[in-house]
Protein backbone atom coordinates (compact mmCIF):
# COMPACT_ATOMS: atom_id res chain seq x y z
CA MET A 1 7.63 6.37 5.73
CA ASN A 2 6.71 8.82 8.47
CA ILE A 3 3.81 10.56 6.75
CA GLY A 4 1.32 8.97 4.42
CA MET A 5 -2.33 8.66 3.56
CA LEU A 6 -4.65 5.89 4.70
CA TRP A 7 -6.86 4.62 1.87
CA PHE A 8 -9.75 2.16 2.20
CA ASP A 9 -10.87 -0.01 -0.72
CA ASN A 10 -12.92 -3.17 -0.21
CA ASP A 11 -14.06 -3.62 -3.83
CA PRO A 12 -14.17 -7.44 -4.19
CA LYS A 13 -14.02 -7.23 -8.00
CA ALA A 14 -10.83 -5.14 -8.19
CA GLU A 15 -7.31 -6.59 -8.22
CA ILE A 16 -4.83 -5.40 -5.60
CA ASN A 17 -2.75 -3.53 -8.20
CA SER A 18 -5.74 -1.51 -9.40
CA LYS A 19 -6.62 -0.63 -5.80
CA ILE A 20 -3.09 0.61 -5.22
CA GLU A 21 -3.21 2.57 -8.48
CA ARG A 22 -6.49 4.26 -7.43
CA ALA A 23 -4.94 5.21 -4.08
CA ALA A 24 -1.77 6.49 -5.81
CA THR A 25 -3.77 8.60 -8.27
CA TYR A 26 -5.77 10.19 -5.45
CA TYR A 27 -2.58 10.79 -3.45
CA LYS A 28 -0.88 12.52 -6.40
CA ASP A 29 -3.95 14.66 -7.12
CA LYS A 30 -4.27 15.69 -3.47
CA TYR A 31 -0.62 16.19 -2.48
CA GLY A 32 1.05 16.89 -5.84
CA LYS A 33 3.66 14.15 -5.46
CA LYS A 34 3.69 10.62 -6.74
CA PRO A 35 3.84 8.01 -3.92
CA ASN A 36 6.48 5.29 -4.03
CA LEU A 37 5.64 3.15 -0.98
CA CYS A 38 2.49 1.35 0.16
CA PHE A 39 1.89 -0.86 3.19
CA ILE A 40 -0.91 -3.45 3.19
CA HIS A 41 -2.06 -6.18 5.58
CA PRO A 42 -0.21 -9.50 5.01
CA THR A 43 -3.44 -11.36 4.17
CA MET A 44 -3.92 -9.10 1.16
CA MET A 45 -0.74 -10.59 -0.30
CA ASN A 46 -1.53 -14.10 0.98
CA VAL A 47 1.15 -13.95 3.68
CA GLU A 48 0.59 -15.20 7.20
CA SER A 49 0.28 -12.38 9.76
CA SER A 50 2.76 -14.15 12.05
CA ASP A 51 5.37 -14.27 9.27
CA THR A 52 8.28 -12.10 10.41
CA THR A 53 10.02 -11.99 7.05
CA ASP A 54 9.88 -8.71 5.17
CA THR A 55 7.60 -9.35 2.21
CA ALA A 56 7.73 -6.83 -0.61
CA THR A 57 6.66 -6.60 -4.22
CA LYS A 58 6.12 -3.86 -6.79
CA SER A 59 2.94 -2.40 -8.21
CA GLY A 60 4.11 -0.22 -11.06
CA ASP A 61 6.64 2.19 -9.51
CA ILE A 62 5.31 1.65 -5.98
CA LEU A 63 7.05 -0.66 -3.53
CA VAL A 64 4.38 -2.69 -1.70
CA ARG A 65 5.27 -4.07 1.72
CA THR A 66 3.22 -5.92 4.30
CA SER A 67 2.55 -4.84 7.87
CA PRO A 68 0.22 -6.52 10.36
CA SER A 69 -0.54 -3.08 11.84
CA VAL A 70 -2.43 -2.07 8.67
CA LEU A 71 -6.01 -3.35 8.67
CA PRO A 72 -7.26 -5.52 5.78
CA ASN A 73 -8.60 -3.50 2.82
CA HIS A 74 -6.58 -0.47 3.95
CA PHE A 75 -3.56 1.00 2.18
CA TRP A 76 -0.98 3.18 3.95
CA ILE A 77 0.49 5.00 0.97
CA GLY A 78 3.06 7.77 0.72
CA ILE A 79 6.66 8.63 -0.03
CA ASN A 80 9.59 6.67 1.34
CA GLY A 81 11.60 9.06 3.52
CA SER A 82 14.89 7.25 2.97
CA LYS A 83 15.21 8.39 -0.65
């Protein structure tokens, strides 16, 4: 993903999937396209920051991957350019 939107959500009561869904809804409303890729900090998925394996999961139709360069409680969301 070369272009995306940075979303901040530190709501302690919300689950990670609902945070991603809120970011995706805002992204679609703002840019008119549904996002399909989201990067989050490894600690948000309970993965060690030093872990070099590529950790990925799905939240609805959105592929969620970890990256230590994304700060905790931030979501780098957009459209995968390789599609």
